[in-house]
Amino acid sequence: MFFWGKVGEQASADLTQDTFETLCARQDRFRGESSVRTYLFGIARWKLVEHLRRSRRDRERFDPAQDGVDIEHVERSITSLFALREHEALLIRGLRSLSLDDQLLLELKDYEALTARELAEIFDVPAGTIGGRVSRARERLRLAVKAMSGTPVLADETLHGLDSYFRAIRGTVQDLTKS
């Protein structure tokens, strides 16, 4: 599910397999300073960044702290998936407008419920900086949702229900990936 909404179904499966192959190949490098889960997400993040760098059409440098994921077929499939659920669709569009690192940070925190320490390990930054990064990413998401919403009421409802919308999206994606 980590890759699914950013690269599409086939690339997601390939990247998932590649991530687990790397985890197995590098098991001797795991020093136990973090959880295996955190180590795995760190590998997955770099696999995603490498994939996006290789697949850039214009071959410009991809910087996950600045650049977002704008893959037309993925955006259409996710938007249509939640077409009947305005809040979730608006949240997804808002997230997709953010840089990749902002997307991952919010998704890992709110969707995967990782701690600040775990996030710091994945992003290779001091733990004290994660709170500020999350706050700035949430503010950018808030501004994006407000800009994309048709009405102020829709934006406010979406922003006030972020946690429940993340849980609803997670449940829907899990149901879809099981079928």
N, C-alpha and C. Protein backbone atom coordinates (compact mmCIF):
# COMPACT_ATOMS: atom_id res chain seq x y z
N MET A 1 0.81 -1.19 0.00
CA MET A 1 0.00 0.00 0.00
C MET A 1 0.86 1.26 0.00
N PHE A 2 2.08 1.16 0.49
CA PHE A 2 2.97 2.31 0.55
C PHE A 2 3.17 2.91 -0.84
N PHE A 3 3.35 2.08 -1.84
CA PHE A 3 3.65 2.55 -3.20
C PHE A 3 2.39 2.75 -4.05
N TRP A 4 1.33 2.05 -3.75
CA TRP A 4 0.17 1.91 -4.61
C TRP A 4 -0.39 3.23 -5.14
N GLY A 5 -0.57 4.21 -4.30
CA GLY A 5 -1.17 5.47 -4.72
C GLY A 5 -0.20 6.44 -5.37
N LYS A 6 1.04 6.03 -5.52
CA LYS A 6 2.03 6.94 -6.10
C LYS A 6 2.56 6.48 -7.44
N VAL A 7 2.50 5.17 -7.70
CA VAL A 7 3.11 4.68 -8.94
C VAL A 7 2.22 3.73 -9.72
N GLY A 8 1.06 3.40 -9.23
CA GLY A 8 0.19 2.48 -9.95
C GLY A 8 0.43 1.04 -9.52
N GLU A 9 -0.46 0.17 -9.99
CA GLU A 9 -0.50 -1.20 -9.50
C GLU A 9 0.75 -2.02 -9.84
N GLN A 10 1.17 -2.04 -11.09
CA GLN A 10 2.30 -2.88 -11.49
C GLN A 10 3.61 -2.40 -10.86
N ALA A 11 3.88 -1.10 -10.95
CA ALA A 11 5.11 -0.58 -10.35
C ALA A 11 5.10 -0.78 -8.85
N SER A 12 3.92 -0.68 -8.23
CA SER A 12 3.80 -0.90 -6.79
C SER A 12 4.22 -2.32 -6.43
N ALA A 13 3.74 -3.28 -7.19
CA ALA A 13 4.12 -4.67 -6.91
C ALA A 13 5.62 -4.87 -7.10
N ASP A 14 6.17 -4.30 -8.16
CA ASP A 14 7.61 -4.43 -8.42
C ASP A 14 8.43 -3.78 -7.31
N LEU A 15 8.04 -2.59 -6.89
CA LEU A 15 8.79 -1.88 -5.85
C LEU A 15 8.68 -2.59 -4.50
N THR A 16 7.51 -3.16 -4.23
CA THR A 16 7.34 -3.91 -2.98
C THR A 16 8.28 -5.10 -2.96
N GLN A 17 8.32 -5.84 -4.06
CA GLN A 17 9.22 -6.99 -4.14
C GLN A 17 10.68 -6.55 -4.02
N ASP A 18 11.03 -5.48 -4.71
CA ASP A 18 12.40 -4.96 -4.67
C ASP A 18 12.77 -4.53 -3.25
N THR A 19 11.84 -3.93 -2.53
CA THR A 19 12.08 -3.49 -1.16
C THR A 19 12.37 -4.68 -0.26
N PHE A 20 11.57 -5.72 -0.37
CA PHE A 20 11.79 -6.89 0.48
C PHE A 20 13.06 -7.65 0.09
N GLU A 21 13.38 -7.65 -1.21
CA GLU A 21 14.66 -8.25 -1.62
C GLU A 21 15.83 -7.50 -1.01
N THR A 22 15.75 -6.18 -1.02
CA THR A 22 16.81 -5.36 -0.42
C THR A 22 16.89 -5.60 1.08
N LEU A 23 15.73 -5.68 1.73
CA LEU A 23 15.71 -5.95 3.17
C LEU A 23 16.42 -7.28 3.47
N CYS A 24 16.11 -8.30 2.71
CA CYS A 24 16.75 -9.61 2.92
C CYS A 24 18.25 -9.56 2.62
N ALA A 25 18.61 -8.87 1.54
CA ALA A 25 20.02 -8.80 1.15
C ALA A 25 20.85 -7.98 2.14
N ARG A 26 20.21 -7.06 2.81
CA ARG A 26 20.94 -6.18 3.75
C ARG A 26 20.67 -6.51 5.21
N GLN A 27 20.18 -7.69 5.48
CA GLN A 27 19.85 -8.02 6.86
C GLN A 27 21.05 -7.94 7.78
N ASP A 28 22.25 -8.19 7.25
CA ASP A 28 23.45 -8.10 8.09
C ASP A 28 23.80 -6.65 8.43
N ARG A 29 23.27 -5.69 7.67
CA ARG A 29 23.53 -4.27 7.95
C ARG A 29 22.59 -3.70 9.01
N PHE A 30 21.51 -4.41 9.29
CA PHE A 30 20.55 -3.94 10.29
C PHE A 30 21.18 -4.09 11.67
N ARG A 31 21.38 -2.95 12.33
CA ARG A 31 22.08 -2.93 13.62
C ARG A 31 21.13 -2.94 14.81
N GLY A 32 19.85 -2.93 14.56
CA GLY A 32 18.88 -2.95 15.66
C GLY A 32 18.70 -1.62 16.34
N GLU A 33 19.20 -0.53 15.73
CA GLU A 33 19.05 0.80 16.33
C GLU A 33 17.65 1.35 16.11
N SER A 34 16.89 0.73 15.23
CA SER A 34 15.51 1.10 14.99
C SER A 34 14.72 -0.20 14.88
N SER A 35 13.42 -0.08 14.69
CA SER A 35 12.62 -1.29 14.50
C SER A 35 12.79 -1.77 13.06
N VAL A 36 12.49 -3.01 12.82
CA VAL A 36 12.55 -3.56 11.47
C VAL A 36 11.55 -2.81 10.58
N ARG A 37 10.42 -2.46 11.15
CA ARG A 37 9.39 -1.71 10.41
C ARG A 37 9.94 -0.38 9.90
N THR A 38 10.62 0.35 10.77
CA THR A 38 11.21 1.62 10.40
C THR A 38 12.29 1.43 9.34
N TYR A 39 13.12 0.43 9.53
CA TYR A 39 14.17 0.12 8.56
C TYR A 39 13.55 -0.20 7.20
N LEU A 40 12.46 -0.97 7.20
CA LEU A 40 11.77 -1.33 5.97
C LEU A 40 11.19 -0.09 5.27
N PHE A 41 10.53 0.79 6.02
CA PHE A 41 9.98 2.00 5.42
C PHE A 41 11.10 2.90 4.88
N GLY A 42 12.24 2.93 5.55
CA GLY A 42 13.38 3.70 5.04
C GLY A 42 13.85 3.17 3.69
N ILE A 43 13.93 1.86 3.58
CA ILE A 43 14.31 1.26 2.30
C ILE A 43 13.25 1.57 1.25
N ALA A 44 11.98 1.43 1.62
CA ALA A 44 10.88 1.67 0.68
C ALA A 44 10.89 3.12 0.17
N ARG A 45 11.16 4.05 1.08
CA ARG A 45 11.21 5.46 0.67
C ARG A 45 12.27 5.67 -0.41
N TRP A 46 13.46 5.11 -0.19
CA TRP A 46 14.53 5.30 -1.16
C TRP A 46 14.26 4.56 -2.46
N LYS A 47 13.60 3.41 -2.39
CA LYS A 47 13.21 2.70 -3.61
C LYS A 47 12.25 3.55 -4.43
N LEU A 48 11.30 4.19 -3.74
CA LEU A 48 10.34 5.05 -4.43
C LEU A 48 11.04 6.25 -5.06
N VAL A 49 11.92 6.89 -4.32
CA VAL A 49 12.64 8.06 -4.85
C VAL A 49 13.48 7.64 -6.06
N GLU A 50 14.19 6.52 -5.96
CA GLU A 50 14.99 6.04 -7.09
C GLU A 50 14.12 5.76 -8.31
N HIS A 51 12.98 5.13 -8.09
CA HIS A 51 12.05 4.83 -9.19
C HIS A 51 11.57 6.12 -9.87
N LEU A 52 11.19 7.09 -9.06
CA LEU A 52 10.70 8.36 -9.61
C LEU A 52 11.81 9.11 -10.34
N ARG A 53 13.01 9.04 -9.84
CA ARG A 53 14.13 9.69 -10.53
C ARG A 53 14.39 9.03 -11.87
N ARG A 54 14.32 7.70 -11.92
CA ARG A 54 14.55 6.99 -13.19
C ARG A 54 13.43 7.23 -14.20
N SER A 55 12.22 7.44 -13.72
CA SER A 55 11.08 7.53 -14.63
C SER A 55 10.72 8.96 -15.04
N ARG A 56 11.46 9.94 -14.61
CA ARG A 56 11.16 11.32 -14.99
C ARG A 56 11.26 11.48 -16.49
N ARG A 57 10.18 11.95 -17.09
CA ARG A 57 10.15 12.14 -18.54
C ARG A 57 11.15 13.19 -18.99
N ASP A 58 11.19 14.28 -18.27
CA ASP A 58 12.06 15.39 -18.68
C ASP A 58 13.49 15.21 -18.19
N ARG A 59 13.73 14.15 -17.44
CA ARG A 59 15.06 13.83 -16.91
C ARG A 59 15.65 14.93 -16.04
N GLU A 60 14.81 15.80 -15.54
CA GLU A 60 15.29 16.79 -14.58
C GLU A 60 15.48 16.08 -13.25
N ARG A 61 16.27 16.68 -12.42
CA ARG A 61 16.56 16.10 -11.11
C ARG A 61 15.27 16.03 -10.29
N PHE A 62 15.03 14.90 -9.63
CA PHE A 62 13.89 14.74 -8.74
C PHE A 62 14.36 14.90 -7.31
N ASP A 63 13.77 15.85 -6.61
CA ASP A 63 14.10 16.10 -5.21
C ASP A 63 12.84 15.83 -4.38
N PRO A 64 12.83 14.76 -3.57
CA PRO A 64 11.62 14.42 -2.84
C PRO A 64 11.18 15.48 -1.83
N ALA A 65 12.07 16.37 -1.46
CA ALA A 65 11.68 17.44 -0.53
C ALA A 65 10.99 18.59 -1.25
N GLN A 66 11.11 18.64 -2.58
CA GLN A 66 10.53 19.73 -3.36
C GLN A 66 9.48 19.27 -4.36
N ASP A 67 9.68 18.09 -4.94
CA ASP A 67 8.85 17.64 -6.05
C ASP A 67 7.77 16.67 -5.58
N GLY A 68 6.61 16.78 -6.21
CA GLY A 68 5.51 15.87 -5.93
C GLY A 68 5.44 14.78 -6.97
N VAL A 69 4.46 13.91 -6.78
CA VAL A 69 4.23 12.82 -7.72
C VAL A 69 3.05 13.22 -8.58
N ASP A 70 3.28 13.33 -9.87
CA ASP A 70 2.22 13.73 -10.79
C ASP A 70 2.17 12.73 -11.94
N ILE A 71 1.57 11.59 -11.66
CA ILE A 71 1.47 10.54 -12.66
C ILE A 71 0.00 10.43 -13.03
N GLU A 72 -0.33 10.79 -14.27
CA GLU A 72 -1.73 10.94 -14.68
C GLU A 72 -2.58 9.71 -14.41
N HIS A 73 -2.14 8.53 -14.78
CA HIS A 73 -3.00 7.36 -14.61
C HIS A 73 -3.23 7.03 -13.14
N VAL A 74 -2.27 7.29 -12.29
CA VAL A 74 -2.44 7.05 -10.87
C VAL A 74 -3.43 8.05 -10.30
N GLU A 75 -3.28 9.31 -10.66
CA GLU A 75 -4.20 10.34 -10.16
C GLU A 75 -5.63 10.06 -10.59
N ARG A 76 -5.82 9.68 -11.84
CA ARG A 76 -7.17 9.39 -12.31
C ARG A 76 -7.76 8.20 -11.58
N SER A 77 -6.98 7.16 -11.38
CA SER A 77 -7.51 5.97 -10.75
C SER A 77 -7.85 6.23 -9.29
N ILE A 78 -7.03 6.97 -8.58
CA ILE A 78 -7.32 7.26 -7.17
C ILE A 78 -8.51 8.20 -7.06
N THR A 79 -8.56 9.22 -7.88
CA THR A 79 -9.67 10.16 -7.81
C THR A 79 -10.99 9.45 -8.12
N SER A 80 -10.99 8.61 -9.15
CA SER A 80 -12.23 7.93 -9.50
C SER A 80 -12.63 6.92 -8.42
N LEU A 81 -11.63 6.33 -7.76
CA LEU A 81 -11.89 5.38 -6.70
C LEU A 81 -12.73 6.01 -5.59
N PHE A 82 -12.47 7.26 -5.29
CA PHE A 82 -13.17 7.94 -4.21
C PHE A 82 -14.12 9.03 -4.73
N ALA A 83 -14.57 8.90 -5.96
CA ALA A 83 -15.40 9.95 -6.56
C ALA A 83 -16.66 10.22 -5.75
N LEU A 84 -17.22 9.22 -5.13
CA LEU A 84 -18.44 9.41 -4.35
C LEU A 84 -18.15 9.93 -2.94
N ARG A 85 -16.92 10.04 -2.60
CA ARG A 85 -16.55 10.46 -1.25
C ARG A 85 -15.73 11.75 -1.35
N GLU A 86 -16.43 12.85 -1.40
CA GLU A 86 -15.79 14.15 -1.64
C GLU A 86 -14.63 14.46 -0.71
N HIS A 87 -14.81 14.21 0.55
CA HIS A 87 -13.77 14.57 1.52
C HIS A 87 -12.49 13.79 1.28
N GLU A 88 -12.64 12.47 1.08
CA GLU A 88 -11.47 11.65 0.84
C GLU A 88 -10.79 12.03 -0.48
N ALA A 89 -11.61 12.30 -1.50
CA ALA A 89 -11.06 12.69 -2.80
C ALA A 89 -10.30 14.01 -2.69
N LEU A 90 -10.87 14.95 -1.96
CA LEU A 90 -10.21 16.25 -1.77
C LEU A 90 -8.90 16.08 -0.99
N LEU A 91 -8.93 15.25 0.03
CA LEU A 91 -7.72 14.99 0.81
C LEU A 91 -6.64 14.37 -0.08
N ILE A 92 -7.02 13.41 -0.90
CA ILE A 92 -6.05 12.76 -1.79
C ILE A 92 -5.48 13.76 -2.78
N ARG A 93 -6.33 14.57 -3.38
CA ARG A 93 -5.83 15.58 -4.33
C ARG A 93 -4.89 16.56 -3.62
N GLY A 94 -5.26 16.96 -2.41
CA GLY A 94 -4.39 17.86 -1.63
C GLY A 94 -3.05 17.22 -1.34
N LEU A 95 -3.07 15.96 -0.91
CA LEU A 95 -1.81 15.25 -0.64
C LEU A 95 -0.96 15.15 -1.90
N ARG A 96 -1.57 14.82 -3.03
CA ARG A 96 -0.82 14.66 -4.28
C ARG A 96 -0.20 15.96 -4.77
N SER A 97 -0.71 17.07 -4.29
CA SER A 97 -0.13 18.35 -4.70
C SER A 97 1.12 18.70 -3.89
N LEU A 98 1.37 17.97 -2.82
CA LEU A 98 2.51 18.24 -1.95
C LEU A 98 3.77 17.57 -2.50
N SER A 99 4.90 17.96 -1.96
CA SER A 99 6.15 17.28 -2.33
C SER A 99 6.06 15.84 -1.85
N LEU A 100 6.86 14.97 -2.44
CA LEU A 100 6.85 13.56 -2.06
C LEU A 100 7.16 13.40 -0.57
N ASP A 101 8.15 14.10 -0.06
CA ASP A 101 8.50 13.96 1.36
C ASP A 101 7.34 14.39 2.26
N ASP A 102 6.64 15.47 1.90
CA ASP A 102 5.47 15.88 2.70
C ASP A 102 4.39 14.80 2.65
N GLN A 103 4.15 14.24 1.47
CA GLN A 103 3.15 13.17 1.35
C GLN A 103 3.52 12.00 2.24
N LEU A 104 4.77 11.55 2.10
CA LEU A 104 5.21 10.39 2.87
C LEU A 104 5.17 10.66 4.37
N LEU A 105 5.60 11.83 4.77
CA LEU A 105 5.62 12.19 6.18
C LEU A 105 4.21 12.12 6.77
N LEU A 106 3.24 12.76 6.10
CA LEU A 106 1.87 12.75 6.62
C LEU A 106 1.24 11.36 6.55
N GLU A 107 1.49 10.65 5.47
CA GLU A 107 0.92 9.31 5.34
C GLU A 107 1.51 8.35 6.37
N LEU A 108 2.82 8.41 6.58
CA LEU A 108 3.43 7.52 7.56
C LEU A 108 3.01 7.87 8.99
N LYS A 109 2.85 9.15 9.26
CA LYS A 109 2.42 9.56 10.59
C LYS A 109 0.95 9.24 10.82
N ASP A 110 0.08 9.67 9.90
CA ASP A 110 -1.35 9.55 10.12
C ASP A 110 -1.93 8.23 9.64
N TYR A 111 -1.35 7.63 8.64
CA TYR A 111 -1.89 6.43 8.03
C TYR A 111 -1.25 5.19 8.63
N GLU A 112 0.05 5.23 8.86
CA GLU A 112 0.77 4.09 9.41
C GLU A 112 1.03 4.24 10.92
N ALA A 113 0.71 5.41 11.48
CA ALA A 113 0.84 5.69 12.92
C ALA A 113 2.27 5.51 13.43
N LEU A 114 3.25 5.96 12.64
CA LEU A 114 4.63 5.90 13.08
C LEU A 114 4.90 7.03 14.08
N THR A 115 5.83 6.79 14.97
CA THR A 115 6.20 7.79 15.97
C THR A 115 7.19 8.79 15.38
N ALA A 116 7.41 9.87 16.09
CA ALA A 116 8.37 10.89 15.65
C ALA A 116 9.77 10.29 15.53
N ARG A 117 10.14 9.43 16.46
CA ARG A 117 11.45 8.80 16.41
C ARG A 117 11.58 7.92 15.16
N GLU A 118 10.53 7.16 14.86
CA GLU A 118 10.56 6.31 13.67
C GLU A 118 10.64 7.15 12.40
N LEU A 119 9.87 8.23 12.36
CA LEU A 119 9.90 9.12 11.19
C LEU A 119 11.29 9.74 11.02
N ALA A 120 11.89 10.14 12.12
CA ALA A 120 13.23 10.74 12.06
C ALA A 120 14.23 9.74 11.47
N GLU A 121 14.10 8.49 11.83
CA GLU A 121 15.01 7.47 11.30
C GLU A 121 14.80 7.27 9.81
N ILE A 122 13.54 7.25 9.39
CA ILE A 122 13.23 7.05 7.97
C ILE A 122 13.75 8.21 7.13
N PHE A 123 13.55 9.43 7.61
CA PHE A 123 13.95 10.62 6.86
C PHE A 123 15.38 11.06 7.16
N ASP A 124 16.04 10.32 8.06
CA ASP A 124 17.44 10.57 8.39
C ASP A 124 17.67 12.01 8.86
N VAL A 125 16.83 12.42 9.83
CA VAL A 125 16.93 13.75 10.43
C VAL A 125 16.86 13.60 11.94
N PRO A 126 17.30 14.60 12.69
CA PRO A 126 17.16 14.55 14.15
C PRO A 126 15.68 14.48 14.56
N ALA A 127 15.39 13.72 15.59
CA ALA A 127 14.01 13.54 16.04
C ALA A 127 13.33 14.87 16.38
N GLY A 128 14.09 15.83 16.85
CA GLY A 128 13.51 17.12 17.21
C GLY A 128 12.99 17.92 16.04
N THR A 129 13.39 17.57 14.83
CA THR A 129 12.94 18.33 13.66
C THR A 129 11.63 17.80 13.08
N ILE A 130 11.22 16.61 13.46
CA ILE A 130 10.04 15.98 12.86
C ILE A 130 8.76 16.76 13.18
N GLY A 131 8.62 17.21 14.40
CA GLY A 131 7.41 17.96 14.77
C GLY A 131 7.21 19.18 13.89
N GLY A 132 8.28 19.92 13.65
CA GLY A 132 8.19 21.09 12.78
C GLY A 132 7.89 20.71 11.34
N ARG A 133 8.49 19.62 10.87
CA ARG A 133 8.22 19.17 9.50
C ARG A 133 6.77 18.75 9.34
N VAL A 134 6.26 18.04 10.33
CA VAL A 134 4.85 17.62 10.27
C VAL A 134 3.94 18.85 10.27
N SER A 135 4.23 19.80 11.12
CA SER A 135 3.41 21.03 11.18
C SER A 135 3.42 21.77 9.85
N ARG A 136 4.60 21.90 9.25
CA ARG A 136 4.69 22.60 7.96
C ARG A 136 3.99 21.81 6.86
N ALA A 137 4.11 20.50 6.88
CA ALA A 137 3.44 19.67 5.87
C ALA A 137 1.93 19.76 6.03
N ARG A 138 1.45 19.75 7.26
CA ARG A 138 0.00 19.89 7.49
C ARG A 138 -0.50 21.27 7.03
N GLU A 139 0.30 22.29 7.25
CA GLU A 139 -0.10 23.63 6.80
C GLU A 139 -0.16 23.68 5.28
N ARG A 140 0.82 23.09 4.60
CA ARG A 140 0.78 23.05 3.14
C ARG A 140 -0.43 22.24 2.65
N LEU A 141 -0.75 21.16 3.36
CA LEU A 141 -1.94 20.38 3.01
C LEU A 141 -3.20 21.21 3.22
N ARG A 142 -3.26 21.93 4.32
CA ARG A 142 -4.42 22.78 4.61
C ARG A 142 -4.62 23.81 3.49
N LEU A 143 -3.54 24.45 3.08
CA LEU A 143 -3.63 25.45 2.02
C LEU A 143 -4.04 24.81 0.69
N ALA A 144 -3.52 23.64 0.40
CA ALA A 144 -3.86 22.95 -0.85
C ALA A 144 -5.33 22.55 -0.86
N VAL A 145 -5.82 22.02 0.25
CA VAL A 145 -7.22 21.61 0.33
C VAL A 145 -8.13 22.82 0.18
N LYS A 146 -7.80 23.91 0.83
CA LYS A 146 -8.61 25.13 0.70
C LYS A 146 -8.63 25.63 -0.73
N ALA A 147 -7.48 25.59 -1.40
CA ALA A 147 -7.40 26.07 -2.79
C ALA A 147 -8.17 25.16 -3.74
N MET A 148 -8.23 23.87 -3.46
CA MET A 148 -8.86 22.91 -4.37
C MET A 148 -10.34 22.69 -4.10
N SER A 149 -10.80 23.07 -2.93
CA SER A 149 -12.19 22.78 -2.58
C SER A 149 -13.14 23.72 -3.31
N GLY A 150 -14.30 23.22 -3.58
CA GLY A 150 -15.31 24.04 -4.24
C GLY A 150 -15.95 25.04 -3.29
N THR A 151 -15.99 24.69 -2.02
CA THR A 151 -16.61 25.56 -1.04
C THR A 151 -15.78 25.59 0.24
N PRO A 152 -15.84 26.69 0.98
CA PRO A 152 -15.12 26.74 2.26
C PRO A 152 -15.62 25.67 3.24
N VAL A 153 -16.91 25.33 3.17
CA VAL A 153 -17.46 24.33 4.08
C VAL A 153 -16.82 22.97 3.81
N LEU A 154 -16.69 22.59 2.54
CA LEU A 154 -16.07 21.32 2.18
C LEU A 154 -14.62 21.28 2.67
N ALA A 155 -13.90 22.36 2.48
CA ALA A 155 -12.51 22.42 2.95
C ALA A 155 -12.44 22.28 4.46
N ASP A 156 -13.26 23.02 5.18
CA ASP A 156 -13.23 22.95 6.64
C ASP A 156 -13.61 21.57 7.16
N GLU A 157 -14.64 20.95 6.57
CA GLU A 157 -15.04 19.61 6.99
C GLU A 157 -13.92 18.60 6.73
N THR A 158 -13.28 18.73 5.59
CA THR A 158 -12.19 17.81 5.25
C THR A 158 -11.03 17.97 6.21
N LEU A 159 -10.64 19.21 6.48
CA LEU A 159 -9.50 19.46 7.35
C LEU A 159 -9.78 19.07 8.80
N HIS A 160 -11.01 19.22 9.25
CA HIS A 160 -11.34 18.87 10.63
C HIS A 160 -11.47 17.36 10.82
N GLY A 161 -11.68 16.64 9.73
CA GLY A 161 -11.84 15.19 9.83
C GLY A 161 -10.66 14.41 9.28
N LEU A 162 -9.47 15.01 9.25
CA LEU A 162 -8.31 14.35 8.63
C LEU A 162 -8.09 12.94 9.15
N ASP A 163 -8.07 12.77 10.46
CA ASP A 163 -7.78 11.45 11.01
C ASP A 163 -8.79 10.41 10.55
N SER A 164 -10.08 10.76 10.60
CA SER A 164 -11.09 9.78 10.18
C SER A 164 -11.03 9.53 8.68
N TYR A 165 -10.67 10.54 7.89
CA TYR A 165 -10.57 10.33 6.45
C TYR A 165 -9.36 9.48 6.10
N PHE A 166 -8.25 9.66 6.81
CA PHE A 166 -7.09 8.79 6.59
C PHE A 166 -7.47 7.33 6.91
N ARG A 167 -8.20 7.11 8.01
CA ARG A 167 -8.61 5.75 8.37
C ARG A 167 -9.56 5.17 7.32
N ALA A 168 -10.48 5.99 6.83
CA ALA A 168 -11.42 5.52 5.81
C ALA A 168 -10.69 5.14 4.52
N ILE A 169 -9.74 5.96 4.12
CA ILE A 169 -8.97 5.68 2.91
C ILE A 169 -8.17 4.39 3.11
N ARG A 170 -7.57 4.24 4.28
CA ARG A 170 -6.78 3.03 4.56
C ARG A 170 -7.67 1.79 4.45
N GLY A 171 -8.86 1.85 5.02
CA GLY A 171 -9.78 0.72 4.97
C GLY A 171 -10.19 0.39 3.53
N THR A 172 -10.47 1.40 2.75
CA THR A 172 -10.87 1.18 1.35
C THR A 172 -9.73 0.58 0.56
N VAL A 173 -8.53 1.10 0.73
CA VAL A 173 -7.37 0.59 -0.01
C VAL A 173 -7.08 -0.85 0.40
N GLN A 174 -7.19 -1.16 1.69
CA GLN A 174 -6.96 -2.53 2.14
C GLN A 174 -7.98 -3.47 1.51
N ASP A 175 -9.24 -3.05 1.47
CA ASP A 175 -10.28 -3.87 0.86
C ASP A 175 -9.99 -4.11 -0.62
N LEU A 176 -9.55 -3.08 -1.32
CA LEU A 176 -9.27 -3.21 -2.75
C LEU A 176 -8.06 -4.09 -3.03
N THR A 177 -7.05 -3.99 -2.19
CA THR A 177 -5.84 -4.78 -2.45
C THR A 177 -6.04 -6.24 -2.08
N LYS A 178 -7.06 -6.57 -1.30
CA LYS A 178 -7.36 -7.96 -0.97
C LYS A 178 -8.12 -8.64 -2.09
N SER A 179 -8.85 -7.85 -2.87
CA SER A 179 -9.67 -8.47 -3.92
C SER A 179 -8.94 -8.67 -5.20
